[in-house]
């Protein structure tokens, strides 16, 4: 079923910052819906896509002619391709009292962040838009099963067009990951880089072990660190930091790794049908990835810092997700099972013994029964965003 438009949770925040800043910058992975969001809510704006060789050449060779051809109010896509434009936008922004005049998008956060912080500090709002969320899909009447959603993923095109997940992710990999990342990192052997990505997908939800990765992929630690940084800068992966206090010497202090798009991870694992998901040994990891990514989207869509962590100590005690909000900690266990078991709360009980002032915990799982008690909240995964209503 094709859906013409799915309301995005970030819309209210986008409207708010358009009334507050002369420039609004939207970052996020390619095809996450940045341009669609801008065009839908900035009707009548001029539009320039710097991926177009002709438009990019004009912007590079004659910025004044570019802004004459595309005057404010204007949407400029992939602005990191011509960072020189930002100094002109700075001058224009300082000369007007109007808000929401320049809507900029970009899909490489390091390049864009460096350019924006230098030229547009204090003049632009920064938003990060990730692929569709479970809450957004539910709002559009889409409630696929656990296995269906892990197989399909969250790219908007999957819901707006008749396109199979395998086709989309293959195209995405070839057109964006290989092409973009090759420009940003010293990738000489694409087959080796693809192997690296598949190894990463096999470690989704795990603590990053560079030495082990280096041995499995066959490249140096320095190269792996460079590749990981580029993947993170391009919004392909993200890291979940551990929660620890200085006095807690037993806590693990290395981040865990997740894919921004769980469907891409499933594709890299060569999962070809929803039925294959439940049989895959990494199904639990993929489910955890989806829930952690959902919590991240819920925070970013309201313009907040992520403030998401996990907890693990050297004795193996672990909590999958820690929410830090209003200076309070809320522990969350993530379980792919469809039936609740009291054993699912074991990590929560241990965490509360270590952090006695923590908020009541929660279990996010694949079952339908939901409950709320003084000790524990039980949620279906489609309602993950409810966790943030502290």
Foldseek 3Di string as FASTA:
>chain_A
DADADFDALLLVVVVVQQQVFQEAEEEEAPLQCLVVSCCVPVPPAAEEECVDVVLVVCCQPPVVVSCVVHPWQYEYEQCLSPLVNLQVVLVVRVVDPHGNTYYYYHQFQVSVVVSCCVRPVPRYAYFYGFFDALLRCVVVVDDDALLVCLQQWGRNCVRNDVDGSLVVLVCCCVVPVVVPVVVVAVDPDVVLVLQLLLVLLVQQLHFDDLVVSCVSSVHDSVRVVSSVSRCVSSQQKDWAFADDDPVPPFKDGTTGMAGLISNSSCVSPVPDDSVVLVVDPCNFSSQLRSLLSNLQNLQSSNVHDSQKHWIAGNVGQIFSIWHQDPNAIETEHEGADQDDDPVSCPSVVVVCVVVVRHAAYEYEYSHDDWDDDRRYTYYHSSVSSVVPVD
